[in-house]
Every structure is written in structure tokens, then in C-alpha cells.
Amino acid sequence: MLQILSGPESNATIIADFYKNMKTEGKYFKYFVYKMTVNI
């Protein structure tokens, strides 16, 4: 249960880092992080 509760934020960071590496343009990275954090 604890991993599930703390999961979304850590998953968002991992995926966001992946997108940040894939797309060097900051707008995709920021938009993705925004969408992930809002939808938690």
C-alpha cells in the first residue's frame, strides 16, 4: 500500500526524466510533469 501511495510521484519523475532525455525542448517536459502532478 505504501508503494502505491508513493508511486505516482516517483513514476512521474522517472517518466518525466525519460521524456526530458528524449525531447530536449523544455515545453514537453514541463507540460508532462504538470499533467502528471495535476492528475494524481
C-alpha atoms as a PDB file:
ATOM      1  CA  MET A   1       0.000   0.000   0.000  1.00  0.00           C
ATOM      2  CA  LEU A   2       2.794   2.425   0.853  1.00  0.00           C
ATOM      3  CA  GLN A   3       4.431   1.861  -2.526  1.00  0.00           C
ATOM      4  CA  ILE A   4       1.133   2.509  -4.278  1.00  0.00           C
ATOM      5  CA  LEU A   5       0.653   5.750  -2.337  1.00  0.00           C
ATOM      6  CA  SER A   6       4.170   6.994  -3.047  1.00  0.00           C
ATOM      7  CA  GLY A   7       4.190   5.517  -6.543  1.00  0.00           C
ATOM      8  CA  PRO A   8       2.626   8.242  -8.731  1.00  0.00           C
ATOM      9  CA  GLU A   9       5.191  10.897  -7.821  1.00  0.00           C
ATOM     10  CA  SER A  10       8.219   8.647  -8.306  1.00  0.00           C
ATOM     11  CA  ASN A  11       6.761   7.229 -11.526  1.00  0.00           C
ATOM     12  CA  ALA A  12       6.119  10.752 -12.768  1.00  0.00           C
ATOM     13  CA  THR A  13       9.736  11.674 -12.094  1.00  0.00           C
ATOM     14  CA  ILE A  14      11.074   8.589 -13.874  1.00  0.00           C
ATOM     15  CA  ILE A  15       8.833   9.073 -16.908  1.00  0.00           C
ATOM     16  CA  ALA A  16       9.442  12.819 -16.936  1.00  0.00           C
ATOM     17  CA  ASP A  17      13.210  12.239 -16.902  1.00  0.00           C
ATOM     18  CA  PHE A  18      12.749   9.849 -19.814  1.00  0.00           C
ATOM     19  CA  TYR A  19      10.774  12.433 -21.791  1.00  0.00           C
ATOM     20  CA  LYS A  20      13.301  15.115 -20.839  1.00  0.00           C
ATOM     21  CA  ASN A  21      16.058  12.973 -22.322  1.00  0.00           C
ATOM     22  CA  MET A  22      14.002  12.125 -25.406  1.00  0.00           C
ATOM     23  CA  LYS A  23      12.852  15.677 -26.146  1.00  0.00           C
ATOM     24  CA  THR A  24      15.346  18.390 -25.300  1.00  0.00           C
ATOM     25  CA  GLU A  25      12.620  21.007 -25.701  1.00  0.00           C
ATOM     26  CA  GLY A  26      11.518  22.040 -22.217  1.00  0.00           C
ATOM     27  CA  LYS A  27       7.863  22.599 -23.082  1.00  0.00           C
ATOM     28  CA  TYR A  28       7.071  18.893 -23.489  1.00  0.00           C
ATOM     29  CA  PHE A  29       8.852  18.081 -20.231  1.00  0.00           C
ATOM     30  CA  LYS A  30       7.095  20.795 -18.222  1.00  0.00           C
ATOM     31  CA  TYR A  31       3.687  20.016 -19.734  1.00  0.00           C
ATOM     32  CA  PHE A  32       4.070  16.317 -18.965  1.00  0.00           C
ATOM     33  CA  VAL A  33       5.111  16.951 -15.363  1.00  0.00           C
ATOM     34  CA  TYR A  34       2.205  19.381 -14.969  1.00  0.00           C
ATOM     35  CA  LYS A  35      -0.316  16.861 -16.301  1.00  0.00           C
ATOM     36  CA  MET A  36       1.082  14.057 -14.114  1.00  0.00           C
ATOM     37  CA  THR A  37       1.073  16.088 -10.903  1.00  0.00           C
ATOM     38  CA  VAL A  38      -2.408  17.514 -11.523  1.00  0.00           C
ATOM     39  CA  ASN A  39      -3.892  14.091 -12.241  1.00  0.00           C
ATOM     40  CA  ILE A  40      -2.592  12.484  -9.028  1.00  0.00           C
END
